[in-house]
Protein backbone atom coordinates (compact mmCIF):
# COMPACT_ATOMS: atom_id res chain seq x y z
CA MET A 1 28.09 4.51 -5.51
CA ARG A 2 29.65 6.62 -3.30
CA LYS A 3 32.87 8.46 -3.31
CA ALA A 4 32.73 12.23 -3.17
CA LEU A 5 35.29 13.48 -5.79
CA GLY A 6 35.06 17.15 -6.98
CA TRP A 7 36.75 20.28 -5.44
CA MET A 8 35.69 23.48 -3.96
CA LEU A 9 37.46 26.93 -4.16
CA SER A 10 38.22 28.99 -1.14
CA LEU A 11 36.70 32.46 -0.35
CA VAL A 12 40.20 33.74 -0.89
CA VAL A 13 40.33 32.51 -4.46
CA LEU A 14 36.85 34.01 -5.03
CA LEU A 15 38.03 37.26 -3.65
CA GLY A 16 40.86 37.20 -6.13
CA THR A 17 38.48 37.18 -8.99
CA LEU A 18 36.85 40.51 -7.95
CA SER A 19 39.06 42.51 -10.23
CA ALA A 20 37.73 40.65 -13.33
CA ALA A 21 34.16 41.07 -14.58
CA GLY A 22 34.07 37.19 -15.05
CA GLY A 23 31.65 35.96 -17.62
CA THR A 24 28.41 37.54 -16.42
CA ALA A 25 26.79 40.33 -18.19
CA GLY A 26 26.51 43.49 -16.10
CA ALA A 27 26.38 43.98 -12.38
CA ALA A 28 23.83 42.76 -10.01
CA THR A 29 21.11 45.08 -9.26
CA ALA A 30 21.45 45.92 -5.61
CA ALA A 31 18.22 47.75 -5.09
CA ASP A 32 14.65 47.88 -6.44
CA PRO A 33 13.32 51.00 -7.85
CA ASP A 34 12.08 52.11 -4.50
CA GLY A 35 15.73 52.10 -3.28
CA THR A 36 15.51 49.07 -0.95
CA ASP A 37 18.63 46.99 -0.86
CA ILE A 38 18.05 43.46 -1.95
CA ARG A 39 19.46 41.98 1.26
CA GLU A 40 17.03 44.05 3.22
CA ARG A 41 14.11 42.74 1.04
CA ILE A 42 15.10 39.11 1.54
CA LEU A 43 15.67 39.48 5.34
CA ALA A 44 12.29 41.18 5.59
CA ILE A 45 10.82 37.81 4.99
CA PRO A 46 9.65 36.27 8.35
CA GLY A 47 11.84 33.35 9.37
CA MET A 48 14.75 34.26 7.03
CA ARG A 49 18.18 34.74 8.57
CA LEU A 50 21.48 35.86 6.94
CA ILE A 51 24.50 33.54 7.75
CA GLU A 52 26.92 35.51 5.46
CA GLU A 53 27.17 37.50 2.21
CA LYS A 54 30.00 36.52 -0.13
CA PRO A 55 31.11 38.79 -2.94
CA TYR A 56 31.09 37.69 -6.66
CA PRO A 57 31.52 39.84 -9.76
CA GLY A 58 28.08 40.60 -11.40
CA TYR A 59 26.08 39.09 -8.57
CA ARG A 60 25.20 39.19 -4.84
CA PHE A 61 25.61 35.87 -3.02
CA PHE A 62 23.83 35.20 0.21
CA VAL A 63 23.97 32.17 2.41
CA LEU A 64 20.80 32.06 4.57
CA ASP A 65 18.54 29.78 6.63
CA TYR A 66 14.77 29.73 6.70
CA ARG A 67 12.56 28.55 9.58
CA GLN A 68 10.54 25.57 8.33
CA PRO A 69 7.90 23.31 10.06
CA VAL A 70 9.38 19.96 10.84
CA ASP A 71 6.02 18.54 9.81
CA HIS A 72 4.11 20.50 7.23
CA ARG A 73 0.94 18.72 8.14
CA HIS A 74 1.23 19.92 11.71
CA PRO A 75 3.01 23.28 11.37
CA ARG A 76 2.78 24.01 15.22
CA ALA A 77 4.67 20.80 16.13
CA GLY A 78 8.07 22.51 15.89
CA THR A 79 10.42 24.00 13.28
CA PHE A 80 13.98 23.69 12.09
CA ALA A 81 16.43 25.99 10.17
CA GLN A 82 16.91 24.94 6.60
CA ARG A 83 20.00 26.42 4.78
CA LEU A 84 19.70 28.00 1.29
CA THR A 85 21.60 30.35 -0.87
CA VAL A 86 20.57 33.15 -3.21
CA LEU A 87 22.73 34.12 -6.26
CA HIS A 88 21.14 37.43 -6.89
CA LYS A 89 21.31 39.18 -10.39
CA ASP A 90 18.28 41.24 -10.80
CA THR A 91 14.77 40.89 -9.55
CA SER A 92 13.51 41.63 -13.13
CA ARG A 93 15.25 38.45 -14.35
CA PRO A 94 13.85 34.88 -14.10
CA THR A 95 14.87 32.74 -11.03
CA VAL A 96 16.13 29.17 -11.16
CA PHE A 97 15.17 26.99 -8.06
CA HIS A 98 18.01 24.54 -7.74
CA THR A 99 18.28 21.52 -5.62
CA SER A 100 21.09 18.80 -5.34
CA GLY A 101 19.00 16.62 -3.19
CA TYR A 102 21.77 16.73 -0.73
CA ASN A 103 23.86 19.48 1.04
CA VAL A 104 23.73 22.94 -0.45
CA SER A 105 27.11 24.45 -1.64
CA THR A 106 27.92 27.62 0.13
CA VAL A 107 30.32 28.57 -2.66
CA PRO A 108 28.79 30.57 -5.49
CA ARG A 109 27.72 28.17 -8.31
CA ARG A 110 25.40 28.64 -11.30
CA SER A 111 23.35 25.82 -12.87
CA GLU A 112 23.09 25.45 -16.58
CA PRO A 113 19.51 26.69 -16.72
CA ALA A 114 20.63 29.79 -14.88
CA THR A 115 23.19 30.42 -17.66
CA ILE A 116 20.67 29.68 -20.32
CA VAL A 117 18.19 32.33 -19.01
CA ASP A 118 20.90 34.57 -17.30
CA GLY A 119 18.89 34.76 -14.21
CA ASN A 120 18.91 34.57 -10.43
CA GLN A 121 19.41 31.20 -8.57
CA VAL A 122 18.03 29.96 -5.26
CA SER A 123 19.54 26.77 -4.10
CA LEU A 124 18.02 24.83 -1.15
CA GLU A 125 19.55 22.07 1.11
CA TYR A 126 17.47 18.97 1.34
CA ARG A 127 15.94 18.40 4.80
CA PHE A 128 17.89 16.07 7.29
CA PHE A 129 21.22 16.86 5.58
CA THR A 130 23.33 18.49 8.34
CA PRO A 131 22.93 21.19 9.43
CA SER A 132 19.35 21.31 7.98
CA ARG A 133 18.21 18.45 10.42
CA PRO A 134 15.41 18.93 12.95
CA GLN A 135 16.44 18.09 16.57
CA PRO A 136 15.41 15.60 17.61
CA ALA A 137 15.28 13.96 14.31
CA ASP A 138 11.91 12.02 13.67
CA TRP A 139 13.07 10.13 10.50
CA SER A 140 9.51 9.33 9.51
CA LEU A 141 9.19 13.07 8.45
CA LEU A 142 11.89 12.61 5.84
CA ASP A 143 9.89 11.89 2.73
CA ILE A 144 9.36 13.45 -0.77
CA ARG A 145 6.04 15.22 0.09
CA GLN A 146 7.67 16.98 3.07
CA ALA A 147 10.61 18.04 1.00
CA ALA A 148 8.27 19.35 -1.66
CA ALA A 149 6.48 21.34 0.84
CA ASP A 150 9.87 22.83 2.07
CA GLN A 151 10.41 23.95 -1.53
CA HIS A 152 6.99 25.35 -1.81
CA ARG A 153 7.25 27.52 1.37
CA VAL A 154 10.69 28.90 0.16
CA PHE A 155 9.19 29.75 -3.16
CA THR A 156 6.14 31.41 -1.80
CA ALA A 157 8.32 33.50 0.42
CA LEU A 158 10.84 34.56 -2.23
CA LYS A 159 8.26 34.97 -4.87
CA ARG A 160 7.41 38.40 -3.28
CA VAL A 161 10.93 39.51 -4.10
CA TYR A 162 11.53 37.59 -7.35
CA ARG A 163 8.33 38.03 -9.35
CA ALA A 164 9.44 36.97 -12.76
CA ARG A 165 9.21 33.41 -13.79
CA TRP A 166 10.78 30.52 -12.13
CA ILE A 167 12.30 27.22 -13.44
CA ALA A 168 13.05 24.34 -11.10
CA THR A 169 16.26 22.25 -11.79
CA GLY A 170 18.61 19.79 -10.30
CA GLY A 171 20.79 16.92 -11.23
CA SER A 172 20.45 13.27 -10.20
CA LYS A 173 18.78 13.22 -6.84
CA GLY A 174 18.30 16.89 -7.32
CA GLY A 175 16.45 16.17 -10.65
CA MET A 176 14.34 13.68 -8.77
CA THR A 177 13.63 16.29 -6.19
CA ALA A 178 12.68 18.90 -8.84
CA THR A 179 10.34 16.25 -10.36
CA TYR A 180 8.72 15.49 -7.08
CA TYR A 181 8.26 19.11 -6.36
CA GLU A 182 6.33 19.59 -9.58
CA ARG A 183 4.27 16.50 -8.82
CA PHE A 184 2.93 17.88 -5.47
CA HIS A 185 3.01 21.61 -6.36
CA PRO A 186 2.36 21.90 -10.18
CA GLY A 187 1.26 25.52 -10.00
CA ASP A 188 4.52 26.93 -8.68
CA MET A 189 7.11 26.57 -11.40
CA ASP A 190 6.97 27.77 -15.10
CA GLY A 191 9.21 24.88 -16.15
CA VAL A 192 11.34 22.05 -14.85
CA VAL A 193 14.77 20.85 -16.10
CA ALA A 194 15.79 17.56 -14.48
CA TYR A 195 19.11 16.07 -15.20
CA VAL A 196 20.11 12.31 -14.97
CA ALA A 197 17.11 11.64 -12.68
CA PRO A 198 16.52 8.02 -11.90
CA ASN A 199 13.03 6.68 -11.74
CA ASP A 200 12.86 3.49 -9.83
CA ALA A 201 9.10 3.07 -10.35
CA VAL A 202 9.14 -0.70 -9.42
CA ASN A 203 11.82 -1.28 -6.85
CA ASP A 204 11.84 -5.11 -7.15
CA GLU A 205 12.25 -5.04 -10.93
CA ASP A 206 15.85 -4.03 -11.82
CA SER A 207 16.52 -5.96 -14.90
CA ALA A 208 17.01 -2.77 -16.96
CA TYR A 209 20.32 -2.27 -15.07
CA ASP A 210 21.50 -5.71 -15.86
CA ARG A 211 20.69 -5.05 -19.57
CA PHE A 212 22.50 -1.80 -19.40
CA PHE A 213 25.78 -3.43 -18.07
CA GLU A 214 25.59 -6.11 -20.77
CA ARG A 215 25.62 -3.41 -23.57
CA VAL A 216 27.42 -0.30 -22.31
CA GLY A 217 30.73 0.58 -23.95
CA THR A 218 32.63 -2.11 -25.75
CA PRO A 219 32.94 -5.90 -24.88
CA GLU A 220 36.79 -5.26 -24.34
CA CYS A 221 36.02 -2.55 -21.79
CA ARG A 222 33.47 -4.52 -19.93
CA ALA A 223 35.79 -7.52 -19.73
CA ARG A 224 38.55 -5.38 -18.30
CA LEU A 225 36.25 -4.00 -15.45
CA ASP A 226 34.93 -7.44 -14.73
CA ALA A 227 38.47 -8.75 -14.42
CA VAL A 228 39.34 -6.12 -11.86
CA GLN A 229 36.37 -7.10 -9.72
CA ARG A 230 37.12 -10.69 -9.93
CA GLN A 231 40.67 -10.36 -9.06
CA ALA A 232 39.80 -8.10 -6.07
CA LEU A 233 37.59 -10.78 -4.69
CA VAL A 234 40.04 -13.53 -5.37
CA ARG A 235 42.67 -11.59 -3.65
CA ARG A 236 40.34 -10.46 -0.89
CA GLU A 237 42.79 -11.13 2.01
CA PRO A 238 45.95 -9.24 0.75
CA LEU A 239 43.76 -6.27 -0.49
CA GLN A 240 42.00 -6.12 2.83
CA ARG A 241 45.35 -5.94 4.57
CA ILE A 242 45.95 -2.71 2.50
CA LEU A 243 42.58 -1.48 3.53
CA ARG A 244 43.12 -2.12 7.24
CA ALA A 245 46.16 0.07 7.05
CA HIS A 246 44.29 2.68 4.94
CA ALA A 247 41.44 2.68 7.44
CA ARG A 248 43.78 2.95 10.45
CA ASP A 249 45.61 5.88 8.96
CA GLY A 250 42.39 7.70 7.94
CA GLY A 251 40.53 6.88 11.29
CA TYR A 252 37.75 4.91 9.46
CA THR A 253 35.48 2.41 11.20
CA PHE A 254 32.81 0.10 9.74
CA ARG A 255 30.23 -0.58 12.47
CA THR A 256 27.14 0.60 10.45
CA VAL A 257 27.76 -1.66 7.48
CA GLY A 258 28.71 -4.54 9.84
CA SER A 259 32.39 -5.24 9.07
CA LEU A 260 35.38 -4.25 7.01
CA ASP A 261 34.79 -7.24 4.87
CA ARG A 262 31.18 -6.09 4.03
CA ALA A 263 32.46 -2.55 3.26
CA TYR A 264 35.19 -3.92 1.14
CA GLU A 265 33.01 -6.02 -1.05
CA ALA A 266 30.38 -3.30 -1.41
CA VAL A 267 33.14 -1.02 -2.84
CA VAL A 268 34.40 -3.78 -5.16
CA LEU A 269 30.90 -4.38 -6.50
CA ASP A 270 30.38 -0.77 -7.13
CA TYR A 271 33.60 -0.57 -9.30
CA ALA A 272 31.91 -1.01 -12.86
CA TRP A 273 28.96 1.19 -11.81
CA ALA A 274 31.23 3.91 -10.58
CA PHE A 275 33.44 3.78 -13.69
CA TRP A 276 30.50 4.35 -16.00
CA GLN A 277 28.83 6.82 -13.95
CA TYR A 278 31.70 9.33 -14.19
CA GLY A 279 34.03 7.82 -16.59
CA LEU A 280 34.21 7.72 -20.39
CA LEU A 281 34.83 4.90 -22.91
CA SER A 282 38.26 6.43 -23.55
CA ASP A 283 39.16 5.90 -19.79
CA CYS A 284 39.13 2.15 -20.31
CA GLU A 285 42.68 2.31 -21.41
CA THR A 286 43.76 3.61 -18.01
CA LEU A 287 42.32 0.51 -16.21
CA PRO A 288 44.80 -2.11 -15.02
CA GLU A 289 45.35 -5.46 -16.61
CA ALA A 290 43.97 -7.45 -13.67
CA ARG A 291 45.88 -10.60 -14.03
CA TYR A 292 49.18 -8.88 -14.06
CA ALA A 293 48.43 -5.99 -11.71
CA SER A 294 49.93 -5.92 -8.29
CA ASP A 295 47.76 -5.88 -5.11
CA ARG A 296 48.63 -2.24 -4.66
CA GLU A 297 47.68 -1.42 -8.29
CA LEU A 298 44.28 -3.21 -7.94
CA PHE A 299 43.65 -1.37 -4.74
CA ASP A 300 44.53 2.02 -6.03
CA SER A 301 42.31 1.57 -9.18
CA ILE A 302 39.36 0.66 -7.15
CA ASP A 303 39.95 3.30 -4.62
CA ALA A 304 40.13 5.92 -7.24
CA VAL A 305 37.05 4.89 -9.03
CA SER A 306 34.65 3.81 -6.21
CA GLY A 307 36.47 4.80 -3.08
CA PHE A 308 37.40 2.36 -0.14
CA SER A 309 36.17 4.87 2.49
CA ALA A 310 32.70 4.96 1.01
CA PHE A 311 31.15 2.66 3.48
CA SER A 312 32.94 3.82 6.55
CA ASP A 313 30.96 5.12 9.44
CA GLN A 314 32.45 8.49 8.83
CA ASN A 315 31.34 8.75 5.27
CA LEU A 316 27.87 7.09 5.72
CA ALA A 317 26.99 9.56 8.48
CA THR A 318 26.92 12.28 5.87
CA TYR A 319 24.69 10.30 3.51
CA THR A 320 22.28 8.64 5.96
CA PRO A 321 19.38 10.73 4.68
CA TYR A 322 19.88 9.53 1.19
CA TYR A 323 20.12 5.84 2.12
CA TYR A 324 17.09 6.29 4.32
CA GLN A 325 15.07 7.68 1.45
CA ALA A 326 16.47 4.89 -0.87
CA GLY A 327 15.20 2.31 1.56
CA THR A 328 11.83 3.98 2.18
CA GLU A 329 10.62 5.59 -0.98
CA LEU A 330 13.09 6.25 -3.69
CA GLY A 331 14.20 2.57 -4.29
CA SER A 332 17.69 1.41 -5.28
CA PRO A 333 19.24 -0.75 -7.92
CA ASP A 334 20.10 -4.39 -7.48
CA ILE A 335 22.30 -5.63 -10.00
CA THR A 336 23.18 -9.34 -10.38
CA GLN A 337 26.90 -9.24 -11.73
CA PRO A 338 27.00 -12.89 -12.78
CA HIS A 339 30.65 -12.83 -13.37
CA LEU A 340 31.12 -12.59 -9.64
CA ARG A 341 29.06 -15.71 -8.78
CA GLY A 342 30.99 -17.93 -6.26
CA LEU A 343 33.14 -14.96 -5.20
CA SER A 344 30.67 -12.52 -3.73
CA ARG A 345 29.63 -13.14 -0.11
CA TYR A 346 26.79 -10.51 0.17
CA GLY A 347 25.71 -9.49 -3.29
CA TYR A 348 24.70 -5.94 -4.10
CA GLN A 349 23.75 -4.72 -0.56
CA PRO A 350 20.44 -2.88 0.19
CA PRO A 351 20.22 0.57 1.70
CA ARG A 352 19.17 -0.83 5.10
CA ASN A 353 22.92 -1.94 5.43
CA PHE A 354 24.02 1.66 5.33
CA VAL A 355 21.68 3.13 7.90
CA PRO A 356 22.17 2.89 11.67
CA ARG A 357 19.87 0.09 12.96
CA ASP A 358 18.31 2.41 15.58
CA ILE A 359 16.66 4.27 12.55
CA PRO A 360 13.57 2.26 11.59
CA MET A 361 12.90 1.89 7.88
CA ARG A 362 9.93 0.62 5.90
CA PHE A 363 9.65 0.75 2.16
CA LEU A 364 6.54 2.42 0.60
CA PRO A 365 6.13 1.11 -3.04
CA ARG A 366 3.37 3.52 -3.97
CA ALA A 367 5.43 6.75 -3.83
CA MET A 368 7.48 6.14 -7.01
CA ARG A 369 4.77 4.49 -8.81
CA ASP A 370 2.52 7.68 -8.17
CA VAL A 371 5.19 10.05 -9.42
CA ASP A 372 6.01 7.90 -12.53
CA ARG A 373 2.30 7.84 -13.52
CA TRP A 374 1.88 11.44 -12.93
CA VAL A 375 4.85 12.38 -15.16
CA ARG A 376 3.90 10.02 -17.87
CA HIS A 377 0.20 11.51 -18.10
CA ARG A 378 0.31 14.95 -16.73
CA ALA A 379 3.87 16.37 -17.18
CA THR A 380 3.64 19.99 -18.49
CA ARG A 381 6.72 22.11 -19.40
CA MET A 382 9.11 19.41 -18.02
CA MET A 383 12.46 18.35 -19.52
CA PHE A 384 14.64 15.28 -18.67
CA VAL A 385 18.23 14.99 -19.85
CA TYR A 386 20.16 11.80 -19.59
CA GLY A 387 23.58 10.41 -20.51
CA GLU A 388 23.88 7.52 -22.88
CA ASN A 389 26.49 5.67 -20.71
CA ASP A 390 25.13 6.68 -17.43
CA PRO A 391 23.88 3.64 -15.40
CA TRP A 392 21.31 5.65 -13.44
CA GLY A 393 19.61 6.35 -16.69
CA ALA A 394 18.79 2.78 -17.20
CA GLU A 395 15.52 3.41 -15.30
CA ARG A 396 14.29 6.94 -16.37
CA PHE A 397 11.29 9.08 -16.64
CA ARG A 398 9.21 8.56 -19.69
CA LEU A 399 6.53 10.74 -21.19
CA GLY A 400 3.01 9.42 -22.19
CA ARG A 401 0.21 10.86 -24.31
CA GLY A 402 -0.97 13.23 -21.61
CA ALA A 403 2.34 15.11 -21.36
CA ARG A 404 2.41 18.51 -22.78
CA ASP A 405 5.29 20.63 -24.00
CA SER A 406 7.71 18.21 -22.32
CA TYR A 407 10.89 16.48 -23.60
CA VAL A 408 13.28 13.62 -22.85
CA TYR A 409 16.85 13.88 -24.35
CA THR A 410 19.85 11.56 -24.28
CA ALA A 411 23.28 13.02 -24.65
CA PRO A 412 25.44 10.74 -26.81
CA GLY A 413 28.51 9.14 -25.08
CA ALA A 414 27.79 11.16 -21.92
CA ASN A 415 27.89 9.94 -18.42
CA HIS A 416 26.17 11.20 -15.13
CA GLY A 417 27.34 14.65 -15.98
CA ALA A 418 25.11 14.93 -18.93
CA ASP A 419 23.70 18.34 -19.76
CA VAL A 420 22.01 20.41 -22.41
CA ALA A 421 25.30 21.42 -23.88
CA GLY A 422 26.26 17.86 -24.53
CA LEU A 423 23.21 17.23 -26.85
CA THR A 424 23.31 17.02 -30.53
CA ALA A 425 23.24 20.49 -32.12
CA GLY A 426 19.61 20.34 -33.12
CA GLU A 427 18.42 19.08 -29.68
CA ARG A 428 20.72 21.43 -27.83
CA ALA A 429 19.03 24.51 -29.59
CA GLU A 430 15.55 22.98 -29.15
CA ALA A 431 16.05 22.47 -25.51
CA THR A 432 17.67 25.90 -24.97
CA ALA A 433 14.86 27.51 -26.64
CA ALA A 434 12.25 25.74 -24.59
CA ILE A 435 13.90 26.70 -21.43
CA GLN A 436 14.16 30.40 -22.48
CA ARG A 437 10.48 30.30 -23.68
CA TRP A 438 9.37 28.92 -20.34
CA ALA A 439 11.33 31.50 -18.48
CA GLY A 440 9.82 34.27 -20.69
CA VAL A 441 13.21 35.46 -21.99
CA ALA A 442 13.44 33.94 -25.42
CA PRO A 443 14.84 36.62 -27.82
CA ALA A 444 12.75 37.48 -30.75
CA ALA A 445 15.19 35.71 -33.13
CA VAL A 446 14.81 32.45 -31.06
CA ARG A 447 11.07 32.64 -30.99
CA GLU A 448 11.12 32.97 -34.77
CA ASP A 449 13.77 30.29 -35.21
CA PRO A 450 14.70 27.95 -32.31
CA SER A 451 17.81 26.86 -33.91
CA LYS A 452 19.48 30.12 -33.10
CA ALA A 453 19.08 29.55 -29.31
CA ALA A 454 22.11 29.90 -27.11
CA PRO A 455 22.68 30.71 -23.43
CA LEU A 456 22.22 34.31 -22.53
CA ALA A 457 24.87 34.46 -19.94
CA ARG A 458 28.50 34.51 -20.87
CA PRO A 459 30.56 31.43 -19.43
CA ASP A 460 32.31 31.82 -16.16
CA ALA A 461 34.89 29.07 -15.25
CA LEU A 462 34.39 29.52 -11.58
CA LEU A 463 30.74 30.05 -11.36
CA ASP A 464 29.76 27.33 -13.86
CA ARG A 465 32.01 24.50 -12.42
CA GLU A 466 30.51 21.19 -11.75
CA GLU A 467 29.02 20.29 -8.29
CA PRO A 468 31.23 17.92 -6.35
CA ARG A 469 30.68 14.47 -7.56
CA THR A 470 29.24 11.58 -5.51
CA LEU A 471 28.54 8.05 -6.63
CA ARG A 472 25.05 8.19 -5.26
CA PRO A 473 22.27 9.50 -7.58
């Protein structure tokens, strides 16, 4: 699950792009017809504070924080500062409300729906991810309903400025977050585009994941992945010597998970999952032949795919809010991996093992069942996009008879980075046309013939780069 890959460009690089117009059409509108600068309008919202403004061609980009109640049920019981960003183009354009479900990026980025509608983008950091964490932290207030209320307050505040239509979006846990927001505040958004959003409606029933790993890719590729895992557990002692040196050099400790041995095995058992989450079938040729590989070759392959620092205290501290939610509401997969029987000491470990013991956790099974039932029977203008070879899509959202103007798509051969652009030509045009229709910006030609739909914003290699990758959802 769990190694952050990805990269981020520095402000210096961004400044270097200012001489080029990039891929965006036209410049950002700095003021409304009454002459008020957009920054003044945003900062006039009570509780909104500017952290910094960064330049980007064709846009204004603001990093902000917004004062939120710690407990929306008791708004007088204290507040915290929640970080967000605004990528401003024009108040007359639609706005995309983006969530990653984790930290917010303070480098300008544009989600796919924002390119499809050529609009503004508001991105919100999820509560309890640093620095958007109340102090002291009452972890019982980290739940999907409180997070949806955070989004609702931000939307309500910014809707005074951005009065055109709004579309919610997010990938993985961000797609889950966009879905939960729609569940609790269905009147806010004009549409939802959720990418690769897991739906663990029944946490104790995970056979869908086992079936996925029995069929994904080719038998040859699956056997190669299995062999690496087996060899890593057979050679546990020499590979752990390498890990001890690696941990010493990197300053990693393993108190939360309990021991270096537990952390080591958790990474090894994630190897196949991590490979399919962000790898492609063609990448199988790069995997080592386990029987003939040296200890170092095995270690390096596993480290590159699933990351031996993933379960260190230092890495887990960043993702404590995720593991807390996985162990209290979201649910988490439990895969059997029969090829490792007799070699695995701990099995696929639960979220409780990755959260400090002084934080109490109790699983609430009704939360995901409620959302699953609501999506099946009441989804309206919702779109779910999955990757054919993404393990997180083994348990996905599905639509029932009560759903209206909603869609589920699967991108062929795609992994956890699946998007509308990766769909077949017909589905790509259909999905694009639906998003533009929901946002109220579908050109006349597209309204007459959806097969002509294409993104309204020109591509921008910097602005449209992927979010940093993580092996969590």
